[in-house]
PDB file of N, CA and C in Angstrom:
ATOM      1  N   MET A   1     122.384 103.461  92.525  1.00  0.00           N
ATOM      2  CA  MET A   1     121.078 103.138  92.948  1.00  0.00           C
ATOM      3  C   MET A   1     121.308 102.483  94.601  1.00  0.00           C
ATOM      4  N   LYS A   2     122.420 102.176  94.810  1.00  0.00           N
ATOM      5  CA  LYS A   2     122.697 101.611  96.266  1.00  0.00           C
ATOM      6  C   LYS A   2     122.480 102.593  97.336  1.00  0.00           C
ATOM      7  N   GLN A   3     122.592 103.905  96.748  1.00  0.00           N
ATOM      8  CA  GLN A   3     122.084 105.020  97.786  1.00  0.00           C
ATOM      9  C   GLN A   3     120.621 105.245  97.900  1.00  0.00           C
ATOM     10  N   SER A   4     119.800 104.780  96.932  1.00  0.00           N
ATOM     11  CA  SER A   4     118.513 104.932  96.870  1.00  0.00           C
ATOM     12  C   SER A   4     117.722 104.624  98.138  1.00  0.00           C
ATOM     13  N   ASP A   5     116.875 105.199  98.956  1.00  0.00           N
ATOM     14  CA  ASP A   5     115.978 104.824  99.910  1.00  0.00           C
ATOM     15  C   ASP A   5     115.239 103.095  99.688  1.00  0.00           C
ATOM     16  N   ALA A   6     114.755 103.013  98.232  1.00  0.00           N
ATOM     17  CA  ALA A   6     114.368 101.928  97.918  1.00  0.00           C
ATOM     18  C   ALA A   6     115.110 100.626  98.207  1.00  0.00           C
ATOM     19  N   TYR A   7     116.376 100.861  97.750  1.00  0.00           N
ATOM     20  CA  TYR A   7     117.457  99.778  97.923  1.00  0.00           C
ATOM     21  C   TYR A   7     117.718  99.591  99.345  1.00  0.00           C
ATOM     22  N   LYS A   8     117.754 100.739 100.040  1.00  0.00           N
ATOM     23  CA  LYS A   8     118.396 100.295 101.627  1.00  0.00           C
ATOM     24  C   LYS A   8     117.119  99.901 102.372  1.00  0.00           C
ATOM     25  N   MET A   9     115.788 100.182 102.147  1.00  0.00           N
ATOM     26  CA  MET A   9     114.599  99.620 102.829  1.00  0.00           C
ATOM     27  C   MET A   9     114.579  98.246 102.565  1.00  0.00           C
ATOM     28  N   ALA A  10     114.853  97.826 101.160  1.00  0.00           N
ATOM     29  CA  ALA A  10     114.691  96.536 100.637  1.00  0.00           C
ATOM     30  C   ALA A  10     115.660  95.418 101.419  1.00  0.00           C
ATOM     31  N   VAL A  11     116.887  96.036 101.466  1.00  0.00           N
ATOM     32  CA  VAL A  11     117.872  95.204 101.948  1.00  0.00           C
ATOM     33  C   VAL A  11     117.856  95.218 103.477  1.00  0.00           C
ATOM     34  N   ALA A  12     117.416  96.061 104.361  1.00  0.00           N
ATOM     35  CA  ALA A  12     117.084  95.930 105.408  1.00  0.00           C
ATOM     36  C   ALA A  12     116.055  95.169 105.797  1.00  0.00           C
ATOM     37  N   ARG A  13     114.923  95.025 105.027  1.00  0.00           N
ATOM     38  CA  ARG A  13     113.875  94.158 105.116  1.00  0.00           C
ATOM     39  C   ARG A  13     114.335  92.388 105.085  1.00  0.00           C
ATOM     40  N   ALA A  14     115.019  92.132 104.273  1.00  0.00           N
ATOM     41  CA  ALA A  14     115.615  90.967 103.909  1.00  0.00           C
ATOM     42  C   ALA A  14     116.553  90.562 105.041  1.00  0.00           C
ATOM     43  N   LYS A  15     117.617  91.744 105.412  1.00  0.00           N
ATOM     44  CA  LYS A  15     118.353  91.080 106.642  1.00  0.00           C
ATOM     45  C   LYS A  15     117.672  90.876 108.001  1.00  0.00           C
ATOM     46  N   ALA A  16     116.324  91.450 108.226  1.00  0.00           N
ATOM     47  CA  ALA A  16     115.468  91.171 109.290  1.00  0.00           C
ATOM     48  C   ALA A  16     114.792  90.254 109.338  1.00  0.00           C
ATOM     49  N   ASP A  17     114.560  89.559 108.005  1.00  0.00           N
ATOM     50  CA  ASP A  17     113.315  88.308 108.156  1.00  0.00           C
ATOM     51  C   ASP A  17     114.401  87.159 108.651  1.00  0.00           C
ATOM     52  N   SER A  18     113.480  86.481 109.369  1.00  0.00           N
ATOM     53  CA  SER A  18     114.082  85.112 110.088  1.00  0.00           C
ATOM     54  C   SER A  18     114.143  84.279 108.751  1.00  0.00           C
ATOM     55  N   ARG A  19     113.312  84.022 107.949  1.00  0.00           N
ATOM     56  CA  ARG A  19     113.361  83.071 106.950  1.00  0.00           C
ATOM     57  C   ARG A  19     114.725  83.404 105.950  1.00  0.00           C
ATOM     58  N   VAL A  20     114.903  84.412 105.807  1.00  0.00           N
ATOM     59  CA  VAL A  20     115.863  84.745 104.888  1.00  0.00           C
ATOM     60  C   VAL A  20     117.472  84.442 105.641  1.00  0.00           C
ATOM     61  N   THR A  21     117.397  84.942 106.741  1.00  0.00           N
ATOM     62  CA  THR A  21     118.686  84.629 107.713  1.00  0.00           C
ATOM     63  C   THR A  21     118.910  82.994 107.995  1.00  0.00           C
ATOM     64  N   SER A  22     117.646  82.234 107.982  1.00  0.00           N
ATOM     65  CA  SER A  22     117.963  80.900 108.173  1.00  0.00           C
ATOM     66  C   SER A  22     118.214  80.120 106.923  1.00  0.00           C
ATOM     67  N   ALA A  23     117.913  80.644 106.036  1.00  0.00           N
ATOM     68  CA  ALA A  23     118.349  80.163 104.566  1.00  0.00           C
ATOM     69  C   ALA A  23     119.811  80.590 104.002  1.00  0.00           C
ATOM     70  N   LEU A  24     120.117  81.604 104.533  1.00  0.00           N
ATOM     71  CA  LEU A  24     121.424  82.227 103.981  1.00  0.00           C
ATOM     72  C   LEU A  24     122.454  82.389 105.130  1.00  0.00           C
ATOM     73  N   GLY A  25     122.188  82.431 106.382  1.00  0.00           N
ATOM     74  CA  GLY A  25     122.904  82.574 107.670  1.00  0.00           C
ATOM     75  C   GLY A  25     123.102  84.139 107.720  1.00  0.00           C
ATOM     76  N   THR A  26     124.068  84.509 108.491  1.00  0.00           N
ATOM     77  CA  THR A  26     124.265  85.847 108.909  1.00  0.00           C
ATOM     78  C   THR A  26     125.653  86.000 108.889  1.00  0.00           C
ATOM     79  N   PRO A  27     126.158  86.968 108.847  1.00  0.00           N
ATOM     80  CA  PRO A  27     125.663  88.301 108.274  1.00  0.00           C
ATOM     81  C   PRO A  27     125.291  88.061 106.721  1.00  0.00           C
ATOM     82  N   ILE A  28     124.158  88.812 106.243  1.00  0.00           N
ATOM     83  CA  ILE A  28     123.911  89.084 105.050  1.00  0.00           C
ATOM     84  C   ILE A  28     124.623  89.981 104.418  1.00  0.00           C
ATOM     85  N   THR A  29     125.100  89.947 103.118  1.00  0.00           N
ATOM     86  CA  THR A  29     125.712  90.772 102.565  1.00  0.00           C
ATOM     87  C   THR A  29     125.164  91.086 101.138  1.00  0.00           C
ATOM     88  N   GLU A  30     125.399  92.256 100.617  1.00  0.00           N
ATOM     89  CA  GLU A  30     125.067  92.667  99.053  1.00  0.00           C
ATOM     90  C   GLU A  30     125.961  92.349  98.291  1.00  0.00           C
ATOM     91  N   GLY A  31     125.554  91.665  96.890  1.00  0.00           N
ATOM     92  CA  GLY A  31     126.384  91.867  96.111  1.00  0.00           C
ATOM     93  C   GLY A  31     126.941  93.324  95.196  1.00  0.00           C
ATOM     94  N   TRP A  32     127.793  93.215  94.437  1.00  0.00           N
ATOM     95  CA  TRP A  32     128.335  94.617  93.696  1.00  0.00           C
ATOM     96  C   TRP A  32     127.472  94.680  92.599  1.00  0.00           C
ATOM     97  N   TYR A  33     127.035  93.504  91.963  1.00  0.00           N
ATOM     98  CA  TYR A  33     126.140  93.685  90.431  1.00  0.00           C
ATOM     99  C   TYR A  33     125.024  93.758  90.634  1.00  0.00           C
ATOM    100  N   LEU A  34     124.311  94.861  91.288  1.00  0.00           N
ATOM    101  CA  LEU A  34     122.812  94.988  91.278  1.00  0.00           C
ATOM    102  C   LEU A  34     122.348  95.367  89.899  1.00  0.00           C
ATOM    103  N   SER A  35     121.131  94.984  89.594  1.00  0.00           N
ATOM    104  CA  SER A  35     120.573  95.417  88.203  1.00  0.00           C
ATOM    105  C   SER A  35     119.381  96.173  88.479  1.00  0.00           C
ATOM    106  N   GLY A  36     118.732  96.777  87.500  1.00  0.00           N
ATOM    107  CA  GLY A  36     117.574  97.541  87.262  1.00  0.00           C
ATOM    108  C   GLY A  36     117.580  98.925  87.343  1.00  0.00           C
ATOM    109  N   ASN A  37     116.568  99.579  87.694  1.00  0.00           N
ATOM    110  CA  ASN A  37     116.625 101.053  87.931  1.00  0.00           C
ATOM    111  C   ASN A  37     116.077 101.897  88.955  1.00  0.00           C
ATOM    112  N   THR A  38     116.406 102.952  88.984  1.00  0.00           N
ATOM    113  CA  THR A  38     115.198 103.818  90.106  1.00  0.00           C
ATOM    114  C   THR A  38     115.292 104.970  89.315  1.00  0.00           C
ATOM    115  N   ASN A  39     113.947 105.783  89.499  1.00  0.00           N
ATOM    116  CA  ASN A  39     113.678 107.157  89.047  1.00  0.00           C
ATOM    117  C   ASN A  39     112.620 107.832  90.055  1.00  0.00           C
ATOM    118  N   VAL A  40     113.565 108.796  90.732  1.00  0.00           N
ATOM    119  CA  VAL A  40     112.921 109.504  91.569  1.00  0.00           C
ATOM    120  C   VAL A  40     112.741 111.000  91.279  1.00  0.00           C
ATOM    121  N   ASN A  41     111.661 111.607  91.578  1.00  0.00           N
ATOM    122  CA  ASN A  41     111.647 113.094  91.107  1.00  0.00           C
ATOM    123  C   ASN A  41     110.817 113.642  92.215  1.00  0.00           C
ATOM    124  N   GLY A  42     111.663 114.016  93.401  1.00  0.00           N
ATOM    125  CA  GLY A  42     110.903 114.679  94.588  1.00  0.00           C
ATOM    126  C   GLY A  42     110.363 113.714  95.442  1.00  0.00           C
ATOM    127  N   ALA A  43     109.065 113.877  95.521  1.00  0.00           N
ATOM    128  CA  ALA A  43     108.274 113.038  96.303  1.00  0.00           C
ATOM    129  C   ALA A  43     107.659 111.660  95.707  1.00  0.00           C
ATOM    130  N   SER A  44     107.989 111.735  94.314  1.00  0.00           N
ATOM    131  CA  SER A  44     107.280 110.558  93.698  1.00  0.00           C
ATOM    132  C   SER A  44     108.673 109.835  93.012  1.00  0.00           C
ATOM    133  N   GLY A  45     108.268 108.595  92.432  1.00  0.00           N
ATOM    134  CA  GLY A  45     109.246 107.771  91.660  1.00  0.00           C
ATOM    135  C   GLY A  45     108.998 106.374  91.725  1.00  0.00           C
ATOM    136  N   ASN A  46     109.795 105.331  91.125  1.00  0.00           N
ATOM    137  CA  ASN A  46     109.729 104.330  91.013  1.00  0.00           C
ATOM    138  C   ASN A  46     110.923 103.498  91.188  1.00  0.00           C
ATOM    139  N   ALA A  47     111.055 102.131  91.470  1.00  0.00           N
ATOM    140  CA  ALA A  47     112.345 101.342  91.574  1.00  0.00           C
ATOM    141  C   ALA A  47     112.003  99.925  91.119  1.00  0.00           C
ATOM    142  N   ASP A  48     112.804  99.345  90.428  1.00  0.00           N
ATOM    143  CA  ASP A  48     112.703  98.066  90.072  1.00  0.00           C
ATOM    144  C   ASP A  48     114.275  97.325  89.823  1.00  0.00           C
ATOM    145  N   LEU A  49     114.313  96.762  91.013  1.00  0.00           N
ATOM    146  CA  LEU A  49     115.656  96.387  91.676  1.00  0.00           C
ATOM    147  C   LEU A  49     115.827  94.597  91.520  1.00  0.00           C
ATOM    148  N   SER A  50     117.027  94.380  91.061  1.00  0.00           N
ATOM    149  CA  SER A  50     117.485  92.823  91.400  1.00  0.00           C
ATOM    150  C   SER A  50     118.802  92.920  92.224  1.00  0.00           C
ATOM    151  N   ILE A  51     118.902  92.684  93.187  1.00  0.00           N
ATOM    152  CA  ILE A  51     120.027  92.625  94.215  1.00  0.00           C
ATOM    153  C   ILE A  51     120.503  91.262  94.634  1.00  0.00           C
ATOM    154  N   PRO A  52     121.855  90.864  94.153  1.00  0.00           N
ATOM    155  CA  PRO A  52     122.373  89.737  94.852  1.00  0.00           C
ATOM    156  C   PRO A  52     122.608  89.794  96.264  1.00  0.00           C
ATOM    157  N   ILE A  53     122.452  88.726  96.821  1.00  0.00           N
ATOM    158  CA  ILE A  53     122.626  88.582  98.384  1.00  0.00           C
ATOM    159  C   ILE A  53     123.402  87.281  98.734  1.00  0.00           C
ATOM    160  N   SER A  54     123.875  87.453  99.635  1.00  0.00           N
ATOM    161  CA  SER A  54     124.574  86.162 100.283  1.00  0.00           C
ATOM    162  C   SER A  54     125.138  85.911 101.605  1.00  0.00           C
ATOM    163  N   GLY A  55     125.133  85.045 102.220  1.00  0.00           N
ATOM    164  CA  GLY A  55     125.505  84.592 103.652  1.00  0.00           C
ATOM    165  C   GLY A  55     126.528  83.222 103.825  1.00  0.00           C
ATOM    166  N   PRO A  56     126.847  82.963 104.761  1.00  0.00           N
ATOM    167  CA  PRO A  56     127.622  81.885 104.868  1.00  0.00           C
ATOM    168  C   PRO A  56     127.079  80.479 104.505  1.00  0.00           C
ATOM    169  N   LYS A  57     125.567  80.715 104.448  1.00  0.00           N
ATOM    170  CA  LYS A  57     125.162  79.362 103.906  1.00  0.00           C
ATOM    171  C   LYS A  57     124.804  79.093 102.549  1.00  0.00           C
ATOM    172  N   GLY A  58     124.799  80.325 101.984  1.00  0.00           N
ATOM    173  CA  GLY A  58     124.508  80.295 100.445  1.00  0.00           C
ATOM    174  C   GLY A  58     124.216  81.787  99.926  1.00  0.00           C
ATOM    175  N   LYS A  59     123.545  81.652  98.587  1.00  0.00           N
ATOM    176  CA  LYS A  59     123.382  83.034  98.035  1.00  0.00           C
ATOM    177  C   LYS A  59     121.939  82.815  97.293  1.00  0.00           C
ATOM    178  N   GLY A  60     121.395  83.984  97.264  1.00  0.00           N
ATOM    179  CA  GLY A  60     120.332  84.370  96.369  1.00  0.00           C
ATOM    180  C   GLY A  60     120.046  85.693  95.866  1.00  0.00           C
ATOM    181  N   THR A  61     118.806  85.977  95.312  1.00  0.00           N
ATOM    182  CA  THR A  61     118.817  87.016  94.641  1.00  0.00           C
ATOM    183  C   THR A  61     117.359  87.804  95.354  1.00  0.00           C
ATOM    184  N   MET A  62     117.542  89.192  95.778  1.00  0.00           N
ATOM    185  CA  MET A  62     116.501  89.797  96.135  1.00  0.00           C
ATOM    186  C   MET A  62     115.605  90.690  94.836  1.00  0.00           C
ATOM    187  N   TYR A  63     114.422  90.451  94.541  1.00  0.00           N
ATOM    188  CA  TYR A  63     113.844  91.288  93.431  1.00  0.00           C
ATOM    189  C   TYR A  63     113.029  92.462  94.337  1.00  0.00           C
ATOM    190  N   ALA A  64     112.954  93.499  93.843  1.00  0.00           N
ATOM    191  CA  ALA A  64     112.164  94.854  94.511  1.00  0.00           C
ATOM    192  C   ALA A  64     111.532  95.563  93.333  1.00  0.00           C
ATOM    193  N   VAL A  65     110.325  95.822  93.625  1.00  0.00           N
ATOM    194  CA  VAL A  65     109.553  96.646  92.775  1.00  0.00           C
ATOM    195  C   VAL A  65     108.757  97.519  93.763  1.00  0.00           C
ATOM    196  N   ALA A  66     108.915  98.696  93.808  1.00  0.00           N
ATOM    197  CA  ALA A  66     108.249  99.840  94.410  1.00  0.00           C
ATOM    198  C   ALA A  66     107.902 101.070  93.635  1.00  0.00           C
ATOM    199  N   THR A  67     107.120 101.811  94.350  1.00  0.00           N
ATOM    200  CA  THR A  67     106.516 103.027  93.684  1.00  0.00           C
ATOM    201  C   THR A  67     106.686 103.954  94.891  1.00  0.00           C
ATOM    202  N   LYS A  68     107.293 105.251  94.694  1.00  0.00           N
ATOM    203  CA  LYS A  68     107.245 106.297  95.741  1.00  0.00           C
ATOM    204  C   LYS A  68     105.883 107.318  95.388  1.00  0.00           C
ATOM    205  N   SER A  69     105.299 107.551  96.417  1.00  0.00           N
ATOM    206  CA  SER A  69     104.249 108.661  96.418  1.00  0.00           C
ATOM    207  C   SER A  69     104.119 109.304  97.623  1.00  0.00           C
ATOM    208  N   ALA A  70     104.056 110.651  97.535  1.00  0.00           N
ATOM    209  CA  ALA A  70     103.964 111.446  98.818  1.00  0.00           C
ATOM    210  C   ALA A  70     105.037 111.151  99.656  1.00  0.00           C
ATOM    211  N   GLY A  71     106.359 110.630  98.974  1.00  0.00           N
ATOM    212  CA  GLY A  71     107.606 110.581  99.836  1.00  0.00           C
ATOM    213  C   GLY A  71     107.584 109.550 100.475  1.00  0.00           C
ATOM    214  N   GLU A  72     106.820 108.356 100.248  1.00  0.00           N
ATOM    215  CA  GLU A  72     106.781 107.075 100.679  1.00  0.00           C
ATOM    216  C   GLU A  72     106.841 105.878  99.973  1.00  0.00           C
ATOM    217  N   TRP A  73     107.819 105.084 100.118  1.00  0.00           N
ATOM    218  CA  TRP A  73     107.829 103.705  99.183  1.00  0.00           C
ATOM    219  C   TRP A  73     107.072 102.698  99.662  1.00  0.00           C
ATOM    220  N   THR A  74     106.387 102.195  98.427  1.00  0.00           N
ATOM    221  CA  THR A  74     105.325 101.059  98.465  1.00  0.00           C
ATOM    222  C   THR A  74     105.878  99.948  97.794  1.00  0.00           C
ATOM    223  N   TYR A  75     106.005  98.805  98.263  1.00  0.00           N
ATOM    224  CA  TYR A  75     106.449  97.640  97.398  1.00  0.00           C
ATOM    225  C   TYR A  75     105.545  96.708  96.910  1.00  0.00           C
ATOM    226  N   SER A  76     105.263  96.577  95.752  1.00  0.00           N
ATOM    227  CA  SER A  76     104.356  95.702  95.042  1.00  0.00           C
ATOM    228  C   SER A  76     105.004  94.279  94.894  1.00  0.00           C
ATOM    229  N   LYS A  77     106.281  94.283  94.722  1.00  0.00           N
ATOM    230  CA  LYS A  77     106.779  92.992  94.860  1.00  0.00           C
ATOM    231  C   LYS A  77     108.138  93.254  95.726  1.00  0.00           C
ATOM    232  N   LEU A  78     108.471  92.347  96.622  1.00  0.00           N
ATOM    233  CA  LEU A  78     109.504  92.115  97.468  1.00  0.00           C
ATOM    234  C   LEU A  78     109.867  90.698  98.113  1.00  0.00           C
ATOM    235  N   ILE A  79     110.799  90.135  96.971  1.00  0.00           N
ATOM    236  CA  ILE A  79     110.754  88.458  97.275  1.00  0.00           C
ATOM    237  C   ILE A  79     112.459  88.196  97.436  1.00  0.00           C
ATOM    238  N   VAL A  80     112.398  87.111  98.043  1.00  0.00           N
ATOM    239  CA  VAL A  80     113.957  86.539  97.728  1.00  0.00           C
ATOM    240  C   VAL A  80     114.048  85.000  97.201  1.00  0.00           C
ATOM    241  N   LYS A  81     114.739  84.887  96.288  1.00  0.00           N
ATOM    242  CA  LYS A  81     114.950  83.443  95.678  1.00  0.00           C
ATOM    243  C   LYS A  81     116.323  83.184  96.167  1.00  0.00           C
ATOM    244  N   ILE A  82     116.286  82.020  97.109  1.00  0.00           N
ATOM    245  CA  ILE A  82     117.436  81.118  97.349  1.00  0.00           C
ATOM    246  C   ILE A  82     117.943  80.342  96.323  1.00  0.00           C
ATOM    247  N   ASP A  83     119.531  80.571  95.960  1.00  0.00           N
ATOM    248  CA  ASP A  83     119.801  79.553  94.838  1.00  0.00           C
ATOM    249  C   ASP A  83     119.851  78.116  94.991  1.00  0.00           C
ATOM    250  N   SER A  84     120.322  77.667  96.367  1.00  0.00           N
ATOM    251  CA  SER A  84     120.496  76.293  96.188  1.00  0.00           C
ATOM    252  C   SER A  84     119.204  75.537  96.382  1.00  0.00           C
ATOM    253  N   THR A  85     118.309  75.920  96.958  1.00  0.00           N
ATOM    254  CA  THR A  85     116.923  75.423  96.871  1.00  0.00           C
ATOM    255  C   THR A  85     115.673  75.787  95.680  1.00  0.00           C
ATOM    256  N   GLY A  86     115.971  76.903  95.163  1.00  0.00           N
ATOM    257  CA  GLY A  86     114.889  77.458  94.546  1.00  0.00           C
ATOM    258  C   GLY A  86     113.977  78.136  95.452  1.00  0.00           C
ATOM    259  N   GLU A  87     113.780  78.004  96.582  1.00  0.00           N
ATOM    260  CA  GLU A  87     112.766  78.614  97.209  1.00  0.00           C
ATOM    261  C   GLU A  87     112.553  80.138  97.317  1.00  0.00           C
ATOM    262  N   THR A  88     111.127  80.555  97.158  1.00  0.00           N
ATOM    263  CA  THR A  88     110.810  81.949  97.052  1.00  0.00           C
ATOM    264  C   THR A  88     110.406  82.439  98.496  1.00  0.00           C
ATOM    265  N   ILE A  89     111.176  83.549  99.133  1.00  0.00           N
ATOM    266  CA  ILE A  89     110.655  84.006 100.343  1.00  0.00           C
ATOM    267  C   ILE A  89     109.772  85.443  99.883  1.00  0.00           C
ATOM    268  N   ASP A  90     108.711  85.438 100.231  1.00  0.00           N
ATOM    269  CA  ASP A  90     107.796  86.657 100.102  1.00  0.00           C
ATOM    270  C   ASP A  90     108.100  87.473 101.335  1.00  0.00           C
ATOM    271  N   LEU A  91     108.676  88.710 101.093  1.00  0.00           N
ATOM    272  CA  LEU A  91     108.775  89.614 102.186  1.00  0.00           C
ATOM    273  C   LEU A  91     107.373  90.454 102.459  1.00  0.00           C
ATOM    274  N   GLY A  92     106.597  90.362 101.619  1.00  0.00           N
ATOM    275  CA  GLY A  92     105.358  91.146 101.493  1.00  0.00           C
ATOM    276  C   GLY A  92     105.414  92.730 101.088  1.00  0.00           C
ATOM    277  N   PRO A  93     104.326  93.129 100.695  1.00  0.00           N
ATOM    278  CA  PRO A  93     104.365  94.273 100.153  1.00  0.00           C
ATOM    279  C   PRO A  93     104.526  95.510 101.272  1.00  0.00           C
TER     280      PRO A  93
END
């Protein structure tokens, strides 16, 4: 799953978001135990992922739900929940 485009794009968006880096610090790293699934068949597919992330200031979990159509991923949900505060950061579709 870590090799999927949906995973890589979601993590890149979290690392580039100033609200996430402010809450967790930099660098942000991904945990080993992600869960969920990805199903890709050529130019279409779907993904539903739960990705643990952390930085020097704390930990959180990223939730990504995406659909691939015509070779492009579209996120219907992309959020980060910060463990220490319970804050939810919406990274937008």
